[in-house]
ModelCIF file with pLDDT and N, C-alpha, C, O atoms, coordinates in Angstrom:
data_MODEL
#
_entry.id   MODEL 
#
_entity.id                         1 
_entity.type                       polymer 
_entity.pdbx_number_of_molecules   1 
#
_entity_poly.entity_id                      1 
_entity_poly.type                           'polypeptide(L)' 
_entity_poly.nstd_linkage                   no 
_entity_poly.nstd_monomer                   no 
_entity_poly.pdbx_seq_one_letter_code       AHAIDKTGYQNHYRGVFPIKVNQQCHVIEEIANFGEKYHHGLEAG 
_entity_poly.pdbx_seq_one_letter_code_can   AHAIDKTGYQNHYRGVFPIKVNQQCHVIEEIANFGEKYHHGLEAG 
_entity_poly.pdbx_strand_id                 A 
#
loop_
_entity_poly_seq.entity_id 
_entity_poly_seq.num 
_entity_poly_seq.mon_id 
_entity_poly_seq.hetero 
1 1  ALA n 
1 2  HIS n 
1 3  ALA n 
1 4  ILE n 
1 5  ASP n 
1 6  LYS n 
1 7  THR n 
1 8  GLY n 
1 9  TYR n 
1 10 GLN n 
1 11 ASN n 
1 12 HIS n 
1 13 TYR n 
1 14 ARG n 
1 15 GLY n 
1 16 VAL n 
1 17 PHE n 
1 18 PRO n 
1 19 ILE n 
1 20 LYS n 
1 21 VAL n 
1 22 ASN n 
1 23 GLN n 
1 24 GLN n 
1 25 CYS n 
1 26 HIS n 
1 27 VAL n 
1 28 ILE n 
1 29 GLU n 
1 30 GLU n 
1 31 ILE n 
1 32 ALA n 
1 33 ASN n 
1 34 PHE n 
1 35 GLY n 
1 36 GLU n 
1 37 LYS n 
1 38 TYR n 
1 39 HIS n 
1 40 HIS n 
1 41 GLY n 
1 42 LEU n 
1 43 GLU n 
1 44 ALA n 
1 45 GLY n 
#
_struct_asym.id          A 
_struct_asym.entity_id   1 
#
loop_
_ma_qa_metric.id 
_ma_qa_metric.mode 
_ma_qa_metric.name 
_ma_qa_metric.software_group_id 
_ma_qa_metric.type 
1 global pLDDT . pLDDT 
2 local  pLDDT . pLDDT 
#
_ma_qa_metric_global.metric_id      1 
_ma_qa_metric_global.metric_value   96.91 
_ma_qa_metric_global.model_id       1 
_ma_qa_metric_global.ordinal_id     1 
#
loop_
_ma_qa_metric_local.label_asym_id 
_ma_qa_metric_local.label_comp_id 
_ma_qa_metric_local.label_seq_id 
_ma_qa_metric_local.metric_id 
_ma_qa_metric_local.metric_value 
_ma_qa_metric_local.model_id 
_ma_qa_metric_local.ordinal_id 
A ALA 1  2 98.00 1 1  
A HIS 2  2 98.00 1 2  
A ALA 3  2 98.00 1 3  
A ILE 4  2 98.00 1 4  
A ASP 5  2 98.00 1 5  
A LYS 6  2 97.00 1 6  
A THR 7  2 98.00 1 7  
A GLY 8  2 98.00 1 8  
A TYR 9  2 98.00 1 9  
A GLN 10 2 98.00 1 10 
A ASN 11 2 98.00 1 11 
A HIS 12 2 98.00 1 12 
A TYR 13 2 98.00 1 13 
A ARG 14 2 98.00 1 14 
A GLY 15 2 98.00 1 15 
A VAL 16 2 98.00 1 16 
A PHE 17 2 98.00 1 17 
A PRO 18 2 97.00 1 18 
A ILE 19 2 96.00 1 19 
A LYS 20 2 95.00 1 20 
A VAL 21 2 96.00 1 21 
A ASN 22 2 95.00 1 22 
A GLN 23 2 94.00 1 23 
A GLN 24 2 94.00 1 24 
A CYS 25 2 94.00 1 25 
A HIS 26 2 94.00 1 26 
A VAL 27 2 96.00 1 27 
A ILE 28 2 96.00 1 28 
A GLU 29 2 96.00 1 29 
A GLU 30 2 96.00 1 30 
A ILE 31 2 97.00 1 31 
A ALA 32 2 97.00 1 32 
A ASN 33 2 97.00 1 33 
A PHE 34 2 97.00 1 34 
A GLY 35 2 97.00 1 35 
A GLU 36 2 97.00 1 36 
A LYS 37 2 97.00 1 37 
A TYR 38 2 98.00 1 38 
A HIS 39 2 98.00 1 39 
A HIS 40 2 98.00 1 40 
A GLY 41 2 98.00 1 41 
A LEU 42 2 98.00 1 42 
A GLU 43 2 97.00 1 43 
A ALA 44 2 96.00 1 44 
A GLY 45 2 95.00 1 45 
#
loop_
_atom_site.group_PDB 
_atom_site.id 
_atom_site.type_symbol 
_atom_site.label_atom_id 
_atom_site.label_alt_id 
_atom_site.label_comp_id 
_atom_site.label_asym_id 
_atom_site.label_entity_id 
_atom_site.label_seq_id 
_atom_site.pdbx_PDB_ins_code 
_atom_site.Cartn_x 
_atom_site.Cartn_y 
_atom_site.Cartn_z 
_atom_site.occupancy 
_atom_site.B_iso_or_equiv 
_atom_site.pdbx_formal_charge 
_atom_site.auth_seq_id 
_atom_site.auth_comp_id 
_atom_site.auth_asym_id 
_atom_site.auth_atom_id 
_atom_site.pdbx_PDB_model_num 
ATOM 1   N N  . ALA A 1 1  ? 95.391  87.461 106.659 1.00 98.00 ? 1  ALA A N  1 
ATOM 2   C CA . ALA A 1 1  ? 94.653  88.244 107.545 1.00 98.00 ? 1  ALA A CA 1 
ATOM 3   C C  . ALA A 1 1  ? 94.414  87.032 108.580 1.00 98.00 ? 1  ALA A C  1 
ATOM 4   O O  . ALA A 1 1  ? 94.008  87.420 109.676 1.00 98.00 ? 1  ALA A O  1 
ATOM 5   N N  . HIS A 1 2  ? 94.560  85.853 108.468 1.00 98.00 ? 2  HIS A N  1 
ATOM 6   C CA . HIS A 1 2  ? 93.768  85.248 109.661 1.00 98.00 ? 2  HIS A CA 1 
ATOM 7   C C  . HIS A 1 2  ? 95.385  85.104 110.520 1.00 98.00 ? 2  HIS A C  1 
ATOM 8   O O  . HIS A 1 2  ? 95.205  84.566 111.613 1.00 98.00 ? 2  HIS A O  1 
ATOM 9   N N  . ALA A 1 3  ? 96.440  85.355 110.343 1.00 98.00 ? 3  ALA A N  1 
ATOM 10  C CA . ALA A 1 3  ? 97.372  85.040 111.172 1.00 98.00 ? 3  ALA A CA 1 
ATOM 11  C C  . ALA A 1 3  ? 97.523  86.154 111.811 1.00 98.00 ? 3  ALA A C  1 
ATOM 12  O O  . ALA A 1 3  ? 97.901  86.365 112.963 1.00 98.00 ? 3  ALA A O  1 
ATOM 13  N N  . ILE A 1 4  ? 97.099  87.072 110.720 1.00 98.00 ? 4  ILE A N  1 
ATOM 14  C CA . ILE A 1 4  ? 97.041  89.090 111.994 1.00 98.00 ? 4  ILE A CA 1 
ATOM 15  C C  . ILE A 1 4  ? 95.743  88.982 112.609 1.00 98.00 ? 4  ILE A C  1 
ATOM 16  O O  . ILE A 1 4  ? 95.517  89.716 113.572 1.00 98.00 ? 4  ILE A O  1 
ATOM 17  N N  . ASP A 1 5  ? 94.894  88.220 112.227 1.00 98.00 ? 5  ASP A N  1 
ATOM 18  C CA . ASP A 1 5  ? 94.100  88.105 113.591 1.00 98.00 ? 5  ASP A CA 1 
ATOM 19  C C  . ASP A 1 5  ? 94.063  87.092 114.747 1.00 98.00 ? 5  ASP A C  1 
ATOM 20  O O  . ASP A 1 5  ? 93.476  87.231 115.820 1.00 98.00 ? 5  ASP A O  1 
ATOM 21  N N  . LYS A 1 6  ? 94.613  86.312 114.435 1.00 97.00 ? 6  LYS A N  1 
ATOM 22  C CA . LYS A 1 6  ? 94.860  85.148 115.733 1.00 97.00 ? 6  LYS A CA 1 
ATOM 23  C C  . LYS A 1 6  ? 96.065  85.430 116.442 1.00 97.00 ? 6  LYS A C  1 
ATOM 24  O O  . LYS A 1 6  ? 96.347  85.079 117.588 1.00 97.00 ? 6  LYS A O  1 
ATOM 25  N N  . THR A 1 7  ? 96.834  86.186 115.541 1.00 98.00 ? 7  THR A N  1 
ATOM 26  C CA . THR A 1 7  ? 98.354  86.881 117.223 1.00 98.00 ? 7  THR A CA 1 
ATOM 27  C C  . THR A 1 7  ? 98.021  87.974 117.610 1.00 98.00 ? 7  THR A C  1 
ATOM 28  O O  . THR A 1 7  ? 98.752  88.397 118.506 1.00 98.00 ? 7  THR A O  1 
ATOM 29  N N  . GLY A 1 8  ? 96.865  88.913 117.190 1.00 98.00 ? 8  GLY A N  1 
ATOM 30  C CA . GLY A 1 8  ? 96.454  90.358 117.166 1.00 98.00 ? 8  GLY A CA 1 
ATOM 31  C C  . GLY A 1 8  ? 97.651  91.262 116.911 1.00 98.00 ? 8  GLY A C  1 
ATOM 32  O O  . GLY A 1 8  ? 98.126  92.031 117.746 1.00 98.00 ? 8  GLY A O  1 
ATOM 33  N N  . TYR A 1 9  ? 98.016  91.116 115.873 1.00 98.00 ? 9  TYR A N  1 
ATOM 34  C CA . TYR A 1 9  ? 99.233  91.846 115.394 1.00 98.00 ? 9  TYR A CA 1 
ATOM 35  C C  . TYR A 1 9  ? 98.425  92.958 114.885 1.00 98.00 ? 9  TYR A C  1 
ATOM 36  O O  . TYR A 1 9  ? 97.618  92.769 113.976 1.00 98.00 ? 9  TYR A O  1 
ATOM 37  N N  . GLN A 1 10 ? 98.575  93.949 115.349 1.00 98.00 ? 10 GLN A N  1 
ATOM 38  C CA . GLN A 1 10 ? 98.550  94.964 115.230 1.00 98.00 ? 10 GLN A CA 1 
ATOM 39  C C  . GLN A 1 10 ? 98.847  96.230 113.993 1.00 98.00 ? 10 GLN A C  1 
ATOM 40  O O  . GLN A 1 10 ? 98.987  97.449 114.084 1.00 98.00 ? 10 GLN A O  1 
ATOM 41  N N  . ASN A 1 11 ? 98.860  95.325 112.900 1.00 98.00 ? 11 ASN A N  1 
ATOM 42  C CA . ASN A 1 11 ? 98.546  96.634 111.513 1.00 98.00 ? 11 ASN A CA 1 
ATOM 43  C C  . ASN A 1 11 ? 98.275  95.231 110.431 1.00 98.00 ? 11 ASN A C  1 
ATOM 44  O O  . ASN A 1 11 ? 97.809  94.200 110.916 1.00 98.00 ? 11 ASN A O  1 
ATOM 45  N N  . HIS A 1 12 ? 98.580  95.304 109.100 1.00 98.00 ? 12 HIS A N  1 
ATOM 46  C CA . HIS A 1 12 ? 98.248  94.803 108.422 1.00 98.00 ? 12 HIS A CA 1 
ATOM 47  C C  . HIS A 1 12 ? 98.933  94.337 106.857 1.00 98.00 ? 12 HIS A C  1 
ATOM 48  O O  . HIS A 1 12 ? 99.770  95.053 106.308 1.00 98.00 ? 12 HIS A O  1 
ATOM 49  N N  . TYR A 1 13 ? 98.661  93.619 106.520 1.00 98.00 ? 13 TYR A N  1 
ATOM 50  C CA . TYR A 1 13 ? 99.716  92.766 104.821 1.00 98.00 ? 13 TYR A CA 1 
ATOM 51  C C  . TYR A 1 13 ? 99.442  93.567 103.700 1.00 98.00 ? 13 TYR A C  1 
ATOM 52  O O  . TYR A 1 13 ? 98.276  93.906 103.497 1.00 98.00 ? 13 TYR A O  1 
ATOM 53  N N  . ARG A 1 14 ? 100.106 93.827 103.142 1.00 98.00 ? 14 ARG A N  1 
ATOM 54  C CA . ARG A 1 14 ? 100.403 94.367 101.750 1.00 98.00 ? 14 ARG A CA 1 
ATOM 55  C C  . ARG A 1 14 ? 101.013 92.974 100.927 1.00 98.00 ? 14 ARG A C  1 
ATOM 56  O O  . ARG A 1 14 ? 101.977 92.399 101.431 1.00 98.00 ? 14 ARG A O  1 
ATOM 57  N N  . GLY A 1 15 ? 100.522 92.549 99.876  1.00 98.00 ? 15 GLY A N  1 
ATOM 58  C CA . GLY A 1 15 ? 101.226 91.510 98.634  1.00 98.00 ? 15 GLY A CA 1 
ATOM 59  C C  . GLY A 1 15 ? 101.387 92.420 97.261  1.00 98.00 ? 15 GLY A C  1 
ATOM 60  O O  . GLY A 1 15 ? 100.569 93.140 96.688  1.00 98.00 ? 15 GLY A O  1 
ATOM 61  N N  . VAL A 1 16 ? 103.044 92.037 96.899  1.00 98.00 ? 16 VAL A N  1 
ATOM 62  C CA . VAL A 1 16 ? 103.193 92.283 95.725  1.00 98.00 ? 16 VAL A CA 1 
ATOM 63  C C  . VAL A 1 16 ? 103.857 91.286 94.987  1.00 98.00 ? 16 VAL A C  1 
ATOM 64  O O  . VAL A 1 16 ? 104.673 90.522 95.502  1.00 98.00 ? 16 VAL A O  1 
ATOM 65  N N  . PHE A 1 17 ? 103.544 91.266 93.818  1.00 98.00 ? 17 PHE A N  1 
ATOM 66  C CA . PHE A 1 17 ? 103.755 90.725 92.444  1.00 98.00 ? 17 PHE A CA 1 
ATOM 67  C C  . PHE A 1 17 ? 104.840 91.063 91.285  1.00 98.00 ? 17 PHE A C  1 
ATOM 68  O O  . PHE A 1 17 ? 104.810 91.671 90.215  1.00 98.00 ? 17 PHE A O  1 
ATOM 69  N N  . PRO A 1 18 ? 106.216 90.070 92.351  1.00 97.00 ? 18 PRO A N  1 
ATOM 70  C CA . PRO A 1 18 ? 107.200 90.395 91.385  1.00 97.00 ? 18 PRO A CA 1 
ATOM 71  C C  . PRO A 1 18 ? 107.336 90.383 89.793  1.00 97.00 ? 18 PRO A C  1 
ATOM 72  O O  . PRO A 1 18 ? 107.738 89.353 89.254  1.00 97.00 ? 18 PRO A O  1 
ATOM 73  N N  . ILE A 1 19 ? 107.009 91.511 89.028  1.00 96.00 ? 19 ILE A N  1 
ATOM 74  C CA . ILE A 1 19 ? 106.662 91.451 87.745  1.00 96.00 ? 19 ILE A CA 1 
ATOM 75  C C  . ILE A 1 19 ? 107.680 90.430 87.034  1.00 96.00 ? 19 ILE A C  1 
ATOM 76  O O  . ILE A 1 19 ? 107.009 89.581 86.447  1.00 96.00 ? 19 ILE A O  1 
ATOM 77  N N  . LYS A 1 20 ? 108.961 90.223 86.885  1.00 95.00 ? 20 LYS A N  1 
ATOM 78  C CA . LYS A 1 20 ? 110.115 89.234 86.604  1.00 95.00 ? 20 LYS A CA 1 
ATOM 79  C C  . LYS A 1 20 ? 109.432 88.010 86.538  1.00 95.00 ? 20 LYS A C  1 
ATOM 80  O O  . LYS A 1 20 ? 109.515 87.471 85.435  1.00 95.00 ? 20 LYS A O  1 
ATOM 81  N N  . VAL A 1 21 ? 108.637 87.276 87.576  1.00 96.00 ? 21 VAL A N  1 
ATOM 82  C CA . VAL A 1 21 ? 108.351 86.113 87.241  1.00 96.00 ? 21 VAL A CA 1 
ATOM 83  C C  . VAL A 1 21 ? 107.453 85.449 86.375  1.00 96.00 ? 21 VAL A C  1 
ATOM 84  O O  . VAL A 1 21 ? 107.410 84.267 86.033  1.00 96.00 ? 21 VAL A O  1 
ATOM 85  N N  . ASN A 1 22 ? 106.497 86.750 85.977  1.00 95.00 ? 22 ASN A N  1 
ATOM 86  C CA . ASN A 1 22 ? 105.772 86.170 84.604  1.00 95.00 ? 22 ASN A CA 1 
ATOM 87  C C  . ASN A 1 22 ? 105.708 88.048 84.065  1.00 95.00 ? 22 ASN A C  1 
ATOM 88  O O  . ASN A 1 22 ? 105.508 88.979 84.845  1.00 95.00 ? 22 ASN A O  1 
ATOM 89  N N  . GLN A 1 23 ? 105.834 88.117 83.247  1.00 94.00 ? 23 GLN A N  1 
ATOM 90  C CA . GLN A 1 23 ? 105.928 89.554 82.599  1.00 94.00 ? 23 GLN A CA 1 
ATOM 91  C C  . GLN A 1 23 ? 104.293 89.593 81.794  1.00 94.00 ? 23 GLN A C  1 
ATOM 92  O O  . GLN A 1 23 ? 103.586 90.596 81.894  1.00 94.00 ? 23 GLN A O  1 
ATOM 93  N N  . GLN A 1 24 ? 103.904 88.516 81.108  1.00 94.00 ? 24 GLN A N  1 
ATOM 94  C CA . GLN A 1 24 ? 102.830 88.821 80.675  1.00 94.00 ? 24 GLN A CA 1 
ATOM 95  C C  . GLN A 1 24 ? 101.425 89.730 80.540  1.00 94.00 ? 24 GLN A C  1 
ATOM 96  O O  . GLN A 1 24 ? 100.408 89.736 81.234  1.00 94.00 ? 24 GLN A O  1 
ATOM 97  N N  . CYS A 1 25 ? 101.722 90.325 79.612  1.00 94.00 ? 25 CYS A N  1 
ATOM 98  C CA . CYS A 1 25 ? 100.465 91.589 79.759  1.00 94.00 ? 25 CYS A CA 1 
ATOM 99  C C  . CYS A 1 25 ? 99.290  90.938 80.475  1.00 94.00 ? 25 CYS A C  1 
ATOM 100 O O  . CYS A 1 25 ? 98.685  91.588 81.327  1.00 94.00 ? 25 CYS A O  1 
ATOM 101 N N  . HIS A 1 26 ? 98.834  89.350 80.096  1.00 94.00 ? 26 HIS A N  1 
ATOM 102 C CA . HIS A 1 26 ? 97.200  89.417 80.404  1.00 94.00 ? 26 HIS A CA 1 
ATOM 103 C C  . HIS A 1 26 ? 97.388  88.896 82.043  1.00 94.00 ? 26 HIS A C  1 
ATOM 104 O O  . HIS A 1 26 ? 96.704  89.421 82.922  1.00 94.00 ? 26 HIS A O  1 
ATOM 105 N N  . VAL A 1 27 ? 98.470  87.719 82.383  1.00 96.00 ? 27 VAL A N  1 
ATOM 106 C CA . VAL A 1 27 ? 98.995  88.001 83.845  1.00 96.00 ? 27 VAL A CA 1 
ATOM 107 C C  . VAL A 1 27 ? 98.426  88.797 84.557  1.00 96.00 ? 27 VAL A C  1 
ATOM 108 O O  . VAL A 1 27 ? 97.364  88.632 85.158  1.00 96.00 ? 27 VAL A O  1 
ATOM 109 N N  . ILE A 1 28 ? 99.287  89.966 84.524  1.00 96.00 ? 28 ILE A N  1 
ATOM 110 C CA . ILE A 1 28 ? 99.965  91.291 84.844  1.00 96.00 ? 28 ILE A CA 1 
ATOM 111 C C  . ILE A 1 28 ? 98.225  92.020 85.457  1.00 96.00 ? 28 ILE A C  1 
ATOM 112 O O  . ILE A 1 28 ? 97.852  92.407 86.564  1.00 96.00 ? 28 ILE A O  1 
ATOM 113 N N  . GLU A 1 29 ? 97.588  91.938 84.212  1.00 96.00 ? 29 GLU A N  1 
ATOM 114 C CA . GLU A 1 29 ? 96.182  92.804 84.320  1.00 96.00 ? 29 GLU A CA 1 
ATOM 115 C C  . GLU A 1 29 ? 95.421  92.080 85.158  1.00 96.00 ? 29 GLU A C  1 
ATOM 116 O O  . GLU A 1 29 ? 94.963  92.786 86.057  1.00 96.00 ? 29 GLU A O  1 
ATOM 117 N N  . GLU A 1 30 ? 95.030  90.683 85.235  1.00 96.00 ? 30 GLU A N  1 
ATOM 118 C CA . GLU A 1 30 ? 94.729  89.628 85.907  1.00 96.00 ? 30 GLU A CA 1 
ATOM 119 C C  . GLU A 1 30 ? 94.564  89.894 87.282  1.00 96.00 ? 30 GLU A C  1 
ATOM 120 O O  . GLU A 1 30 ? 93.490  90.179 87.811  1.00 96.00 ? 30 GLU A O  1 
ATOM 121 N N  . ILE A 1 31 ? 96.067  89.757 88.061  1.00 97.00 ? 31 ILE A N  1 
ATOM 122 C CA . ILE A 1 31 ? 96.947  90.274 89.362  1.00 97.00 ? 31 ILE A CA 1 
ATOM 123 C C  . ILE A 1 31 ? 96.496  91.654 89.606  1.00 97.00 ? 31 ILE A C  1 
ATOM 124 O O  . ILE A 1 31 ? 95.852  91.701 90.654  1.00 97.00 ? 31 ILE A O  1 
ATOM 125 N N  . ALA A 1 32 ? 96.581  92.588 89.127  1.00 97.00 ? 32 ALA A N  1 
ATOM 126 C CA . ALA A 1 32 ? 96.056  93.822 88.973  1.00 97.00 ? 32 ALA A CA 1 
ATOM 127 C C  . ALA A 1 32 ? 94.622  94.105 89.386  1.00 97.00 ? 32 ALA A C  1 
ATOM 128 O O  . ALA A 1 32 ? 94.350  94.825 90.346  1.00 97.00 ? 32 ALA A O  1 
ATOM 129 N N  . ASN A 1 33 ? 93.784  93.553 88.678  1.00 97.00 ? 33 ASN A N  1 
ATOM 130 C CA . ASN A 1 33 ? 93.064  93.651 88.542  1.00 97.00 ? 33 ASN A CA 1 
ATOM 131 C C  . ASN A 1 33 ? 92.134  92.726 90.150  1.00 97.00 ? 33 ASN A C  1 
ATOM 132 O O  . ASN A 1 33 ? 91.647  93.251 91.152  1.00 97.00 ? 33 ASN A O  1 
ATOM 133 N N  . PHE A 1 34 ? 92.227  91.079 89.711  1.00 97.00 ? 34 PHE A N  1 
ATOM 134 C CA . PHE A 1 34 ? 91.376  90.829 91.214  1.00 97.00 ? 34 PHE A CA 1 
ATOM 135 C C  . PHE A 1 34 ? 92.285  91.350 92.118  1.00 97.00 ? 34 PHE A C  1 
ATOM 136 O O  . PHE A 1 34 ? 91.729  92.249 92.749  1.00 97.00 ? 34 PHE A O  1 
ATOM 137 N N  . GLY A 1 35 ? 93.394  91.198 92.453  1.00 97.00 ? 35 GLY A N  1 
ATOM 138 C CA . GLY A 1 35 ? 94.160  91.826 93.670  1.00 97.00 ? 35 GLY A CA 1 
ATOM 139 C C  . GLY A 1 35 ? 93.815  93.367 93.950  1.00 97.00 ? 35 GLY A C  1 
ATOM 140 O O  . GLY A 1 35 ? 94.457  93.918 94.846  1.00 97.00 ? 35 GLY A O  1 
ATOM 141 N N  . GLU A 1 36 ? 93.096  93.916 93.430  1.00 97.00 ? 36 GLU A N  1 
ATOM 142 C CA . GLU A 1 36 ? 92.730  95.554 94.283  1.00 97.00 ? 36 GLU A CA 1 
ATOM 143 C C  . GLU A 1 36 ? 92.572  95.576 95.638  1.00 97.00 ? 36 GLU A C  1 
ATOM 144 O O  . GLU A 1 36 ? 93.023  96.146 96.631  1.00 97.00 ? 36 GLU A O  1 
ATOM 145 N N  . LYS A 1 37 ? 91.233  94.201 95.115  1.00 97.00 ? 37 LYS A N  1 
ATOM 146 C CA . LYS A 1 37 ? 90.278  94.135 96.869  1.00 97.00 ? 37 LYS A CA 1 
ATOM 147 C C  . LYS A 1 37 ? 91.026  94.080 97.503  1.00 97.00 ? 37 LYS A C  1 
ATOM 148 O O  . LYS A 1 37 ? 90.915  95.213 97.970  1.00 97.00 ? 37 LYS A O  1 
ATOM 149 N N  . TYR A 1 38 ? 91.973  93.593 98.097  1.00 98.00 ? 38 TYR A N  1 
ATOM 150 C CA . TYR A 1 38 ? 93.327  93.178 98.503  1.00 98.00 ? 38 TYR A CA 1 
ATOM 151 C C  . TYR A 1 38 ? 94.595  94.459 98.566  1.00 98.00 ? 38 TYR A C  1 
ATOM 152 O O  . TYR A 1 38 ? 95.695  94.494 99.117  1.00 98.00 ? 38 TYR A O  1 
ATOM 153 N N  . HIS A 1 39 ? 93.865  95.406 97.750  1.00 98.00 ? 39 HIS A N  1 
ATOM 154 C CA . HIS A 1 39 ? 95.431  96.263 97.681  1.00 98.00 ? 39 HIS A CA 1 
ATOM 155 C C  . HIS A 1 39 ? 96.628  95.294 96.959  1.00 98.00 ? 39 HIS A C  1 
ATOM 156 O O  . HIS A 1 39 ? 97.757  95.705 97.228  1.00 98.00 ? 39 HIS A O  1 
ATOM 157 N N  . HIS A 1 40 ? 96.608  94.486 96.381  1.00 98.00 ? 40 HIS A N  1 
ATOM 158 C CA . HIS A 1 40 ? 97.756  93.519 95.706  1.00 98.00 ? 40 HIS A CA 1 
ATOM 159 C C  . HIS A 1 40 ? 98.658  94.399 95.095  1.00 98.00 ? 40 HIS A C  1 
ATOM 160 O O  . HIS A 1 40 ? 97.934  94.769 94.171  1.00 98.00 ? 40 HIS A O  1 
ATOM 161 N N  . GLY A 1 41 ? 99.851  95.085 94.914  1.00 98.00 ? 41 GLY A N  1 
ATOM 162 C CA . GLY A 1 41 ? 100.724 95.696 93.963  1.00 98.00 ? 41 GLY A CA 1 
ATOM 163 C C  . GLY A 1 41 ? 101.487 94.495 93.260  1.00 98.00 ? 41 GLY A C  1 
ATOM 164 O O  . GLY A 1 41 ? 101.448 93.271 93.133  1.00 98.00 ? 41 GLY A O  1 
ATOM 165 N N  . LEU A 1 42 ? 102.266 95.717 92.854  1.00 98.00 ? 42 LEU A N  1 
ATOM 166 C CA . LEU A 1 42 ? 103.805 95.023 92.179  1.00 98.00 ? 42 LEU A CA 1 
ATOM 167 C C  . LEU A 1 42 ? 104.671 95.261 92.555  1.00 98.00 ? 42 LEU A C  1 
ATOM 168 O O  . LEU A 1 42 ? 104.769 96.184 93.363  1.00 98.00 ? 42 LEU A O  1 
ATOM 169 N N  . GLU A 1 43 ? 106.064 94.304 92.012  1.00 97.00 ? 43 GLU A N  1 
ATOM 170 C CA . GLU A 1 43 ? 107.646 94.858 91.799  1.00 97.00 ? 43 GLU A CA 1 
ATOM 171 C C  . GLU A 1 43 ? 107.937 95.075 90.844  1.00 97.00 ? 43 GLU A C  1 
ATOM 172 O O  . GLU A 1 43 ? 107.612 94.442 89.839  1.00 97.00 ? 43 GLU A O  1 
ATOM 173 N N  . ALA A 1 44 ? 108.690 96.111 90.900  1.00 96.00 ? 44 ALA A N  1 
ATOM 174 C CA . ALA A 1 44 ? 109.414 96.476 89.450  1.00 96.00 ? 44 ALA A CA 1 
ATOM 175 C C  . ALA A 1 44 ? 110.977 96.282 89.948  1.00 96.00 ? 44 ALA A C  1 
ATOM 176 O O  . ALA A 1 44 ? 111.574 96.515 90.999  1.00 96.00 ? 44 ALA A O  1 
ATOM 177 N N  . GLY A 1 45 ? 111.362 95.697 88.564  1.00 95.00 ? 45 GLY A N  1 
ATOM 178 C CA . GLY A 1 45 ? 113.353 95.364 89.286  1.00 95.00 ? 45 GLY A CA 1 
ATOM 179 C C  . GLY A 1 45 ? 114.120 96.187 87.680  1.00 95.00 ? 45 GLY A C  1 
ATOM 180 O O  . GLY A 1 45 ? 115.342 96.271 87.553  1.00 95.00 ? 45 GLY A O  1 
#
């Protein structure tokens, strides 16, 4: 967000977490819950 604001970029960022990196339920649930404020998503392989 800081880089986008600093450069005048005309769109936004959306992060996704690759589930394969750590598939444990507690980890994925925490990422989904806390990440909601940033619209942070998930990658599925």
